[in-house]
Amino acid sequence: MIERLRFLLALIAATTISGPPAAIAAEGPRVVELFTSQGCSSCPPADTFIGQLADRPGVIALSLAVDYWDYLGWKDTLALPAHAARQRAYAETRGDRRLFTPQVVVNGRESVPGQDRAAIERALQAARIHTPVPVSAAVKDGQIKVSVGGSNGVARSGEVWVLGVQRTAAVEISRGENAGHTVAYRNVVRHIRRLAAWTGQPIEVAADLSALTANECDLLVVLVQDAAEGRLGPVFGAGIMPLR
């Protein structure tokens, strides 16, 4: 019960945005995914901005390190192949197939340069989830129990993803384009997993807690998003909770 309450409180905080009460009630959180790399000289400003967005009500900001710049002389210590795969899936859905760092994807839909703060702010203003899919979670018996609500009368289906997230990470980079710098990262995705398909009907699914708390993960993020024809698309609902 305590962990479920924490999750609900975090979800309320994530969905609180400026505007009239009716708008607040009708909208879900905005999800900002930054695809970044320790080997990218343009990325540190984007990493800093994601840290600022991580503290903003109504926003779930995430850092996903990719490994395709490792050949430049520095192996990214936070990168996962799954992150680049996710970035490619978004590009295929959009149809532009553009992969670059730093790249921000807002609510699984709009791609903007990660260092362009004005463009990100515009994308955030446009990316409002109306009639969001309810998401909740609780920790029990070594498992994360995830509950996803129905589609609220809107014709849609998709996938449920769980992400293990590390709140803060500081990395000293000794080679490559950022050699000699220590970069501070916020909300670093350290574990990512497709948990279940979602047909638009309420479901409850479970995941092993140990996998999500490895690699210093101390936050859990749940995303419900479109996956038409196996592609990855817009976010329908999202929530965030502390793991410890």
C-alpha atoms as a PDB file:
ATOM      1  CA  MET A   1       0.000   0.000   0.000  1.00  0.00           C
ATOM      2  CA  ILE A   2       2.816   2.427   0.849  1.00  0.00           C
ATOM      3  CA  GLU A   3       4.587   1.872  -2.480  1.00  0.00           C
ATOM      4  CA  ARG A   4       1.296   2.168  -4.396  1.00  0.00           C
ATOM      5  CA  LEU A   5       0.597   5.455  -2.605  1.00  0.00           C
ATOM      6  CA  ARG A   6       4.079   6.719  -3.518  1.00  0.00           C
ATOM      7  CA  PHE A   7       3.459   5.832  -7.140  1.00  0.00           C
ATOM      8  CA  LEU A   8       0.107   7.592  -7.226  1.00  0.00           C
ATOM      9  CA  LEU A   9       1.616  10.687  -5.635  1.00  0.00           C
ATOM     10  CA  ALA A  10       4.436  10.672  -8.190  1.00  0.00           C
ATOM     11  CA  LEU A  11       1.923  10.218 -10.989  1.00  0.00           C
ATOM     12  CA  ILE A  12      -0.129  13.160  -9.727  1.00  0.00           C
ATOM     13  CA  ALA A  13       3.043  15.281  -9.637  1.00  0.00           C
ATOM     14  CA  ALA A  14       3.960  14.185 -13.159  1.00  0.00           C
ATOM     15  CA  THR A  15       0.548  15.089 -14.513  1.00  0.00           C
ATOM     16  CA  THR A  16       0.369  18.508 -12.858  1.00  0.00           C
ATOM     17  CA  ILE A  17       0.874  21.242 -15.434  1.00  0.00           C
ATOM     18  CA  SER A  18       0.048  24.918 -15.673  1.00  0.00           C
ATOM     19  CA  GLY A  19      -3.437  25.725 -16.847  1.00  0.00           C
ATOM     20  CA  PRO A  20      -7.053  25.554 -15.691  1.00  0.00           C
ATOM     21  CA  PRO A  21      -8.173  22.614 -13.504  1.00  0.00           C
ATOM     22  CA  ALA A  22     -10.217  21.055 -16.313  1.00  0.00           C
ATOM     23  CA  ALA A  23      -7.135  20.885 -18.549  1.00  0.00           C
ATOM     24  CA  ILE A  24      -5.042  19.335 -15.785  1.00  0.00           C
ATOM     25  CA  ALA A  25      -7.571  16.587 -15.226  1.00  0.00           C
ATOM     26  CA  ALA A  26      -7.798  15.756 -18.937  1.00  0.00           C
ATOM     27  CA  GLU A  27      -4.085  15.506 -19.699  1.00  0.00           C
ATOM     28  CA  GLY A  28      -1.347  13.041 -18.919  1.00  0.00           C
ATOM     29  CA  PRO A  29       2.381  13.633 -18.385  1.00  0.00           C
ATOM     30  CA  ARG A  30       4.675  14.582 -21.219  1.00  0.00           C
ATOM     31  CA  VAL A  31       7.458  12.035 -21.776  1.00  0.00           C
ATOM     32  CA  VAL A  32      10.800  13.377 -23.022  1.00  0.00           C
ATOM     33  CA  GLU A  33      13.380  10.818 -24.185  1.00  0.00           C
ATOM     34  CA  LEU A  34      16.888  12.118 -24.859  1.00  0.00           C
ATOM     35  CA  PHE A  35      19.107   9.857 -26.956  1.00  0.00           C
ATOM     36  CA  THR A  36      22.600  10.878 -25.939  1.00  0.00           C
ATOM     37  CA  SER A  37      26.209   9.675 -25.935  1.00  0.00           C
ATOM     38  CA  GLN A  38      29.287  10.300 -23.846  1.00  0.00           C
ATOM     39  CA  GLY A  39      31.233  10.399 -27.121  1.00  0.00           C
ATOM     40  CA  CYS A  40      29.176  13.269 -28.580  1.00  0.00           C
ATOM     41  CA  SER A  41      30.550  16.787 -28.092  1.00  0.00           C
ATOM     42  CA  SER A  42      27.109  18.336 -28.707  1.00  0.00           C
ATOM     43  CA  CYS A  43      25.406  16.279 -26.024  1.00  0.00           C
ATOM     44  CA  PRO A  44      26.414  17.868 -22.667  1.00  0.00           C
ATOM     45  CA  PRO A  45      24.120  20.923 -23.098  1.00  0.00           C
ATOM     46  CA  ALA A  46      21.241  18.563 -23.881  1.00  0.00           C
ATOM     47  CA  ASP A  47      22.132  16.423 -20.854  1.00  0.00           C
ATOM     48  CA  THR A  48      21.977  19.550 -18.679  1.00  0.00           C
ATOM     49  CA  PHE A  49      18.565  20.541 -20.021  1.00  0.00           C
ATOM     50  CA  ILE A  50      17.161  17.053 -19.423  1.00  0.00           C
ATOM     51  CA  GLY A  51      18.275  17.441 -15.810  1.00  0.00           C
ATOM     52  CA  GLN A  52      16.234  20.619 -15.579  1.00  0.00           C
ATOM     53  CA  LEU A  53      13.197  19.011 -17.205  1.00  0.00           C
ATOM     54  CA  ALA A  54      13.444  16.102 -14.770  1.00  0.00           C
ATOM     55  CA  ASP A  55      12.462  18.525 -11.997  1.00  0.00           C
ATOM     56  CA  ARG A  56       9.552  20.053 -13.918  1.00  0.00           C
ATOM     57  CA  PRO A  57       6.000  19.057 -12.915  1.00  0.00           C
ATOM     58  CA  GLY A  58       4.098  17.372 -15.725  1.00  0.00           C
ATOM     59  CA  VAL A  59       7.243  16.009 -17.395  1.00  0.00           C
ATOM     60  CA  ILE A  60       8.911  12.590 -17.256  1.00  0.00           C
ATOM     61  CA  ALA A  61      12.410  13.234 -18.637  1.00  0.00           C
ATOM     62  CA  LEU A  62      14.655  10.281 -19.495  1.00  0.00           C
ATOM     63  CA  SER A  63      18.258   9.871 -20.699  1.00  0.00           C
ATOM     64  CA  LEU A  64      18.945   6.929 -23.016  1.00  0.00           C
ATOM     65  CA  ALA A  65      22.617   6.478 -23.893  1.00  0.00           C
ATOM     66  CA  VAL A  66      23.394   4.891 -27.268  1.00  0.00           C
ATOM     67  CA  ASP A  67      26.472   2.888 -28.243  1.00  0.00           C
ATOM     68  CA  TYR A  68      26.928   3.690 -31.934  1.00  0.00           C
ATOM     69  CA  TRP A  69      29.587   6.372 -31.273  1.00  0.00           C
ATOM     70  CA  ASP A  70      31.800   4.019 -29.239  1.00  0.00           C
ATOM     71  CA  TYR A  71      34.138   3.536 -32.198  1.00  0.00           C
ATOM     72  CA  LEU A  72      35.306   7.156 -31.853  1.00  0.00           C
ATOM     73  CA  GLY A  73      37.529   6.223 -28.921  1.00  0.00           C
ATOM     74  CA  TRP A  74      35.333   6.120 -25.816  1.00  0.00           C
ATOM     75  CA  LYS A  75      32.934   3.336 -24.839  1.00  0.00           C
ATOM     76  CA  ASP A  76      29.803   4.863 -23.329  1.00  0.00           C
ATOM     77  CA  THR A  77      29.499   3.465 -19.811  1.00  0.00           C
ATOM     78  CA  LEU A  78      25.700   3.895 -19.660  1.00  0.00           C
ATOM     79  CA  ALA A  79      24.780   2.744 -23.163  1.00  0.00           C
ATOM     80  CA  LEU A  80      22.463  -0.155 -23.974  1.00  0.00           C
ATOM     81  CA  PRO A  81      21.896  -1.621 -27.463  1.00  0.00           C
ATOM     82  CA  ALA A  82      18.171  -1.505 -26.671  1.00  0.00           C
ATOM     83  CA  HIS A  83      18.326   2.290 -26.614  1.00  0.00           C
ATOM     84  CA  ALA A  84      19.564   2.550 -30.198  1.00  0.00           C
ATOM     85  CA  ALA A  85      16.950  -0.038 -31.200  1.00  0.00           C
ATOM     86  CA  ARG A  86      14.263   2.119 -29.610  1.00  0.00           C
ATOM     87  CA  GLN A  87      15.582   5.200 -31.396  1.00  0.00           C
ATOM     88  CA  ARG A  88      15.509   3.317 -34.723  1.00  0.00           C
ATOM     89  CA  ALA A  89      11.943   2.146 -34.065  1.00  0.00           C
ATOM     90  CA  TYR A  90      10.802   5.735 -33.593  1.00  0.00           C
ATOM     91  CA  ALA A  91      12.574   6.806 -36.787  1.00  0.00           C
ATOM     92  CA  GLU A  92      10.921   4.028 -38.778  1.00  0.00           C
ATOM     93  CA  THR A  93       7.509   5.004 -37.427  1.00  0.00           C
ATOM     94  CA  ARG A  94       8.054   8.653 -38.363  1.00  0.00           C
ATOM     95  CA  GLY A  95       9.329   7.575 -41.758  1.00  0.00           C
ATOM     96  CA  ASP A  96      12.403   9.804 -41.731  1.00  0.00           C
ATOM     97  CA  ARG A  97      14.808   7.148 -40.369  1.00  0.00           C
ATOM     98  CA  ARG A  98      16.940   9.923 -38.845  1.00  0.00           C
ATOM     99  CA  LEU A  99      19.232   8.893 -35.998  1.00  0.00           C
ATOM    100  CA  PHE A 100      21.486  11.463 -34.346  1.00  0.00           C
ATOM    101  CA  THR A 101      22.676  12.643 -30.963  1.00  0.00           C
ATOM    102  CA  PRO A 102      21.530  14.515 -29.098  1.00  0.00           C
ATOM    103  CA  GLN A 103      17.995  13.692 -30.251  1.00  0.00           C
ATOM    104  CA  VAL A 104      14.842  14.243 -28.205  1.00  0.00           C
ATOM    105  CA  VAL A 105      11.581  12.394 -28.831  1.00  0.00           C
ATOM    106  CA  VAL A 106       8.545  13.875 -27.093  1.00  0.00           C
ATOM    107  CA  ASN A 107       5.661  11.560 -26.203  1.00  0.00           C
ATOM    108  CA  GLY A 108       6.923   9.027 -28.713  1.00  0.00           C
ATOM    109  CA  ARG A 109       5.962  11.282 -31.576  1.00  0.00           C
ATOM    110  CA  GLU A 110       7.955  14.431 -32.366  1.00  0.00           C
ATOM    111  CA  SER A 111      11.725  14.423 -32.925  1.00  0.00           C
ATOM    112  CA  VAL A 112      13.763  17.561 -32.235  1.00  0.00           C
ATOM    113  CA  PRO A 113      17.484  18.317 -31.745  1.00  0.00           C
ATOM    114  CA  GLY A 114      18.360  17.735 -28.111  1.00  0.00           C
ATOM    115  CA  GLN A 115      20.363  20.952 -27.790  1.00  0.00           C
ATOM    116  CA  ASP A 116      17.529  23.128 -29.178  1.00  0.00           C
ATOM    117  CA  ARG A 117      15.710  24.189 -26.015  1.00  0.00           C
ATOM    118  CA  ALA A 118      13.167  26.331 -27.834  1.00  0.00           C
ATOM    119  CA  ALA A 119      12.187  23.458 -30.138  1.00  0.00           C
ATOM    120  CA  ILE A 120      11.827  21.112 -27.161  1.00  0.00           C
ATOM    121  CA  GLU A 121       9.625  23.643 -25.352  1.00  0.00           C
ATOM    122  CA  ARG A 122       7.405  23.949 -28.431  1.00  0.00           C
ATOM    123  CA  ALA A 123       7.149  20.156 -28.687  1.00  0.00           C
ATOM    124  CA  LEU A 124       6.212  19.951 -25.011  1.00  0.00           C
ATOM    125  CA  GLN A 125       3.448  22.497 -25.470  1.00  0.00           C
ATOM    126  CA  ALA A 126       2.045  20.544 -28.410  1.00  0.00           C
ATOM    127  CA  ALA A 127       2.423  17.081 -26.866  1.00  0.00           C
ATOM    128  CA  ARG A 128      -0.544  16.827 -24.566  1.00  0.00           C
ATOM    129  CA  ILE A 129      -2.063  13.408 -23.928  1.00  0.00           C
ATOM    130  CA  HIS A 130      -5.810  13.848 -23.739  1.00  0.00           C
ATOM    131  CA  THR A 131      -7.823  11.111 -21.994  1.00  0.00           C
ATOM    132  CA  PRO A 132      -4.590   9.420 -20.823  1.00  0.00           C
ATOM    133  CA  VAL A 133      -4.566   5.700 -20.085  1.00  0.00           C
ATOM    134  CA  PRO A 134      -4.420   5.193 -16.286  1.00  0.00           C
ATOM    135  CA  VAL A 135      -1.192   3.564 -15.075  1.00  0.00           C
ATOM    136  CA  SER A 136      -0.302   2.393 -11.552  1.00  0.00           C
ATOM    137  CA  ALA A 137       2.203   0.043  -9.952  1.00  0.00           C
ATOM    138  CA  ALA A 138       3.058  -1.535  -6.607  1.00  0.00           C
ATOM    139  CA  VAL A 139       5.964  -3.526  -5.167  1.00  0.00           C
ATOM    140  CA  LYS A 140       5.081  -6.876  -3.602  1.00  0.00           C
ATOM    141  CA  ASP A 141       6.900 -10.174  -2.994  1.00  0.00           C
ATOM    142  CA  GLY A 142       9.922  -9.210  -5.069  1.00  0.00           C
ATOM    143  CA  GLN A 143       7.830  -8.156  -8.065  1.00  0.00           C
ATOM    144  CA  ILE A 144       6.545  -4.987  -9.643  1.00  0.00           C
ATOM    145  CA  LYS A 145       2.803  -5.292 -10.225  1.00  0.00           C
ATOM    146  CA  VAL A 146       1.707  -2.992 -13.045  1.00  0.00           C
ATOM    147  CA  SER A 147      -1.923  -2.079 -13.693  1.00  0.00           C
ATOM    148  CA  VAL A 148      -2.992  -0.434 -16.943  1.00  0.00           C
ATOM    149  CA  GLY A 149      -6.508   0.908 -17.414  1.00  0.00           C
ATOM    150  CA  GLY A 150      -8.778   0.839 -20.431  1.00  0.00           C
ATOM    151  CA  SER A 151      -8.640   3.094 -23.449  1.00  0.00           C
ATOM    152  CA  ASN A 152     -11.320   5.491 -22.173  1.00  0.00           C
ATOM    153  CA  GLY A 153     -13.506   4.959 -25.198  1.00  0.00           C
ATOM    154  CA  VAL A 154     -10.740   5.831 -27.672  1.00  0.00           C
ATOM    155  CA  ALA A 155      -9.877   3.169 -30.262  1.00  0.00           C
ATOM    156  CA  ARG A 156      -6.264   2.332 -29.525  1.00  0.00           C
ATOM    157  CA  SER A 157      -3.941  -0.484 -28.470  1.00  0.00           C
ATOM    158  CA  GLY A 158      -0.229  -0.873 -27.937  1.00  0.00           C
ATOM    159  CA  GLU A 159       2.482  -2.086 -25.594  1.00  0.00           C
ATOM    160  CA  VAL A 160       3.422  -1.716 -21.948  1.00  0.00           C
ATOM    161  CA  TRP A 161       7.083  -0.929 -21.231  1.00  0.00           C
ATOM    162  CA  VAL A 162       8.879  -0.851 -17.890  1.00  0.00           C
ATOM    163  CA  LEU A 163      12.084   1.126 -17.429  1.00  0.00           C
ATOM    164  CA  GLY A 164      14.519   0.938 -14.534  1.00  0.00           C
ATOM    165  CA  VAL A 165      15.964   4.426 -14.057  1.00  0.00           C
ATOM    166  CA  GLN A 166      18.927   5.806 -12.101  1.00  0.00           C
ATOM    167  CA  ARG A 167      18.179   9.299 -10.777  1.00  0.00           C
ATOM    168  CA  THR A 168      21.735  10.643 -11.066  1.00  0.00           C
ATOM    169  CA  ALA A 169      25.033   9.479 -12.549  1.00  0.00           C
ATOM    170  CA  ALA A 170      28.308  11.375 -12.947  1.00  0.00           C
ATOM    171  CA  VAL A 171      30.812  10.047 -15.481  1.00  0.00           C
ATOM    172  CA  GLU A 172      34.446  11.085 -15.923  1.00  0.00           C
ATOM    173  CA  ILE A 173      35.262  10.839 -19.625  1.00  0.00           C
ATOM    174  CA  SER A 174      38.935  10.357 -20.432  1.00  0.00           C
ATOM    175  CA  ARG A 175      38.868   9.842 -24.215  1.00  0.00           C
ATOM    176  CA  GLY A 176      36.900  10.911 -27.256  1.00  0.00           C
ATOM    177  CA  GLU A 177      35.238  14.245 -28.006  1.00  0.00           C
ATOM    178  CA  ASN A 178      34.433  14.960 -24.335  1.00  0.00           C
ATOM    179  CA  ALA A 179      37.831  13.912 -22.944  1.00  0.00           C
ATOM    180  CA  GLY A 180      38.666  15.586 -19.651  1.00  0.00           C
ATOM    181  CA  HIS A 181      35.068  16.377 -18.753  1.00  0.00           C
ATOM    182  CA  THR A 182      32.822  14.970 -16.057  1.00  0.00           C
ATOM    183  CA  VAL A 183      29.210  14.879 -17.240  1.00  0.00           C
ATOM    184  CA  ALA A 184      26.253  14.727 -14.836  1.00  0.00           C
ATOM    185  CA  TYR A 185      23.278  12.712 -16.073  1.00  0.00           C
ATOM    186  CA  ARG A 186      19.716  12.640 -14.758  1.00  0.00           C
ATOM    187  CA  ASN A 187      17.083   9.904 -14.994  1.00  0.00           C
ATOM    188  CA  VAL A 188      19.354   7.485 -16.803  1.00  0.00           C
ATOM    189  CA  VAL A 189      17.570   4.441 -18.217  1.00  0.00           C
ATOM    190  CA  ARG A 190      19.566   1.380 -17.105  1.00  0.00           C
ATOM    191  CA  HIS A 191      17.016  -1.344 -17.840  1.00  0.00           C
ATOM    192  CA  ILE A 192      14.263  -1.375 -20.450  1.00  0.00           C
ATOM    193  CA  ARG A 193      11.785  -4.116 -21.195  1.00  0.00           C
ATOM    194  CA  ARG A 194       8.596  -4.625 -23.161  1.00  0.00           C
ATOM    195  CA  LEU A 195       6.299  -6.075 -20.527  1.00  0.00           C
ATOM    196  CA  ALA A 196       3.082  -6.883 -22.354  1.00  0.00           C
ATOM    197  CA  ALA A 197       0.787  -6.155 -25.246  1.00  0.00           C
ATOM    198  CA  TRP A 198      -2.180  -3.925 -24.457  1.00  0.00           C
ATOM    199  CA  THR A 199      -5.449  -4.324 -26.371  1.00  0.00           C
ATOM    200  CA  GLY A 200      -7.230  -1.307 -24.957  1.00  0.00           C
ATOM    201  CA  GLN A 201      -8.689  -3.337 -22.097  1.00  0.00           C
ATOM    202  CA  PRO A 202      -7.559  -3.109 -18.445  1.00  0.00           C
ATOM    203  CA  ILE A 203      -4.703  -5.484 -17.626  1.00  0.00           C
ATOM    204  CA  GLU A 204      -2.432  -6.364 -14.722  1.00  0.00           C
ATOM    205  CA  VAL A 205       1.072  -7.730 -15.335  1.00  0.00           C
ATOM    206  CA  ALA A 206       4.123  -8.399 -13.167  1.00  0.00           C
ATOM    207  CA  ALA A 207       7.889  -8.059 -13.600  1.00  0.00           C
ATOM    208  CA  ASP A 208      10.762  -9.350 -11.501  1.00  0.00           C
ATOM    209  CA  LEU A 209      12.007  -6.576  -9.239  1.00  0.00           C
ATOM    210  CA  SER A 210      15.664  -7.663  -9.173  1.00  0.00           C
ATOM    211  CA  ALA A 211      16.185  -6.898 -12.877  1.00  0.00           C
ATOM    212  CA  LEU A 212      14.714  -3.424 -12.439  1.00  0.00           C
ATOM    213  CA  THR A 213      16.774  -2.529  -9.380  1.00  0.00           C
ATOM    214  CA  ALA A 214      20.110  -3.648 -10.844  1.00  0.00           C
ATOM    215  CA  ASN A 215      22.629  -1.029 -12.011  1.00  0.00           C
ATOM    216  CA  GLU A 216      21.633   1.372  -9.232  1.00  0.00           C
ATOM    217  CA  CYS A 217      18.088   1.866 -10.505  1.00  0.00           C
ATOM    218  CA  ASP A 218      16.011   3.783  -7.983  1.00  0.00           C
ATOM    219  CA  LEU A 219      13.049   4.845 -10.128  1.00  0.00           C
ATOM    220  CA  LEU A 220      10.504   2.890 -12.143  1.00  0.00           C
ATOM    221  CA  VAL A 221       8.828   4.321 -15.237  1.00  0.00           C
ATOM    222  CA  VAL A 222       5.885   2.640 -16.966  1.00  0.00           C
ATOM    223  CA  LEU A 223       4.953   3.650 -20.515  1.00  0.00           C
ATOM    224  CA  VAL A 224       1.900   2.628 -22.515  1.00  0.00           C
ATOM    225  CA  GLN A 225       2.346   3.447 -26.171  1.00  0.00           C
ATOM    226  CA  ASP A 226       1.197   2.694 -29.661  1.00  0.00           C
ATOM    227  CA  ALA A 227       2.839  -0.222 -31.451  1.00  0.00           C
ATOM    228  CA  ALA A 228       0.906  -0.520 -34.701  1.00  0.00           C
ATOM    229  CA  GLU A 229       2.423  -3.096 -37.054  1.00  0.00           C
ATOM    230  CA  GLY A 230       5.259  -3.707 -34.622  1.00  0.00           C
ATOM    231  CA  ARG A 231       6.421  -0.087 -34.683  1.00  0.00           C
ATOM    232  CA  LEU A 232       6.841   2.235 -31.725  1.00  0.00           C
ATOM    233  CA  GLY A 233       4.694   5.320 -31.582  1.00  0.00           C
ATOM    234  CA  PRO A 234       2.824   7.855 -29.437  1.00  0.00           C
ATOM    235  CA  VAL A 235       2.644   7.508 -25.661  1.00  0.00           C
ATOM    236  CA  PHE A 236      -0.891   6.972 -24.335  1.00  0.00           C
ATOM    237  CA  GLY A 237      -0.107   6.906 -20.630  1.00  0.00           C
ATOM    238  CA  ALA A 238       2.868   7.035 -18.285  1.00  0.00           C
ATOM    239  CA  GLY A 239       3.792   6.930 -14.612  1.00  0.00           C
ATOM    240  CA  ILE A 240       6.856   7.157 -12.416  1.00  0.00           C
ATOM    241  CA  MET A 241       7.531   5.815  -8.909  1.00  0.00           C
ATOM    242  CA  PRO A 242      10.482   5.541  -6.531  1.00  0.00           C
ATOM    243  CA  LEU A 243      11.920   2.061  -6.032  1.00  0.00           C
ATOM    244  CA  ARG A 244      13.711   3.099  -2.847  1.00  0.00           C
END
